[in-house]
């Protein structure tokens, strides 16, 4: 692994550990506790990869992502953060961070991701970024938090699928939060100003059942709750309903 890595973290221990590990791997390293210094290095053309914390003494690492992209298109940024919430994962994804890892991170894992980022940088420019999404609220009331690798993977998956039009199947044991995840996907998507409709098999009964559901949902989202328990009649009604989705179809 070779290249120059810019490390920005207010924790001296993390800066030291990353500097030593990256240097041993063959990289040159510039480490700082200041986002101002980081951006000066970026403006000077230094660095093939940025590894940055989120909460810094002089700002927020996520806020620098659009600036880095504007000034140095194609420069990959890996975000590391102790703010282990779905909001952080979504913001990192929407602002097109190359990767996101929660603290405490596994050093060998981070080194592998850094190597992939440097290799991608050498192979060519990054894919153009998608428009930034304006996220609702400040995320303080979000019930989804977690440090485990499973939760972090879930957060990143939500961020990837939330603005797709593809149907989404959420699976899991009873009580594991399937409805909570479904609502989070809706609330952070570009459909968040439209209705979120929860429906079950009894709601499909009657000739007006499916149409009433579609009229309520408009261009929002429909959650079929416990769809695995639908009998054959409810399944048939669901299929006919999906086949008749209007042009401004809701996401299922």
Foldseek 3Di string as FASTA:
>chain_A
DEWEEEEEALDPVVQVVVCVVVVVVHYHYDYDLDPVVVVVCLLVVGTQEYEYEADGPHHGPLVCLVVSCVRPFQRAYEYEYQQFFLVVLLSCVLSPHVYYAYPPDDVVVVVVSVVVSSVSSVVDTDDDHDDHDDAPDDCPPQPGGDRDPVSSVLSNVLSVPLADQAADDFDDDPPPQSVVSVVVSQRGYPQNVFDEAEDEQVQLPDPCSLVVRFVRRQLGAYHYPPVVPHDPVSVVSVVVSVVPADPSGHRD
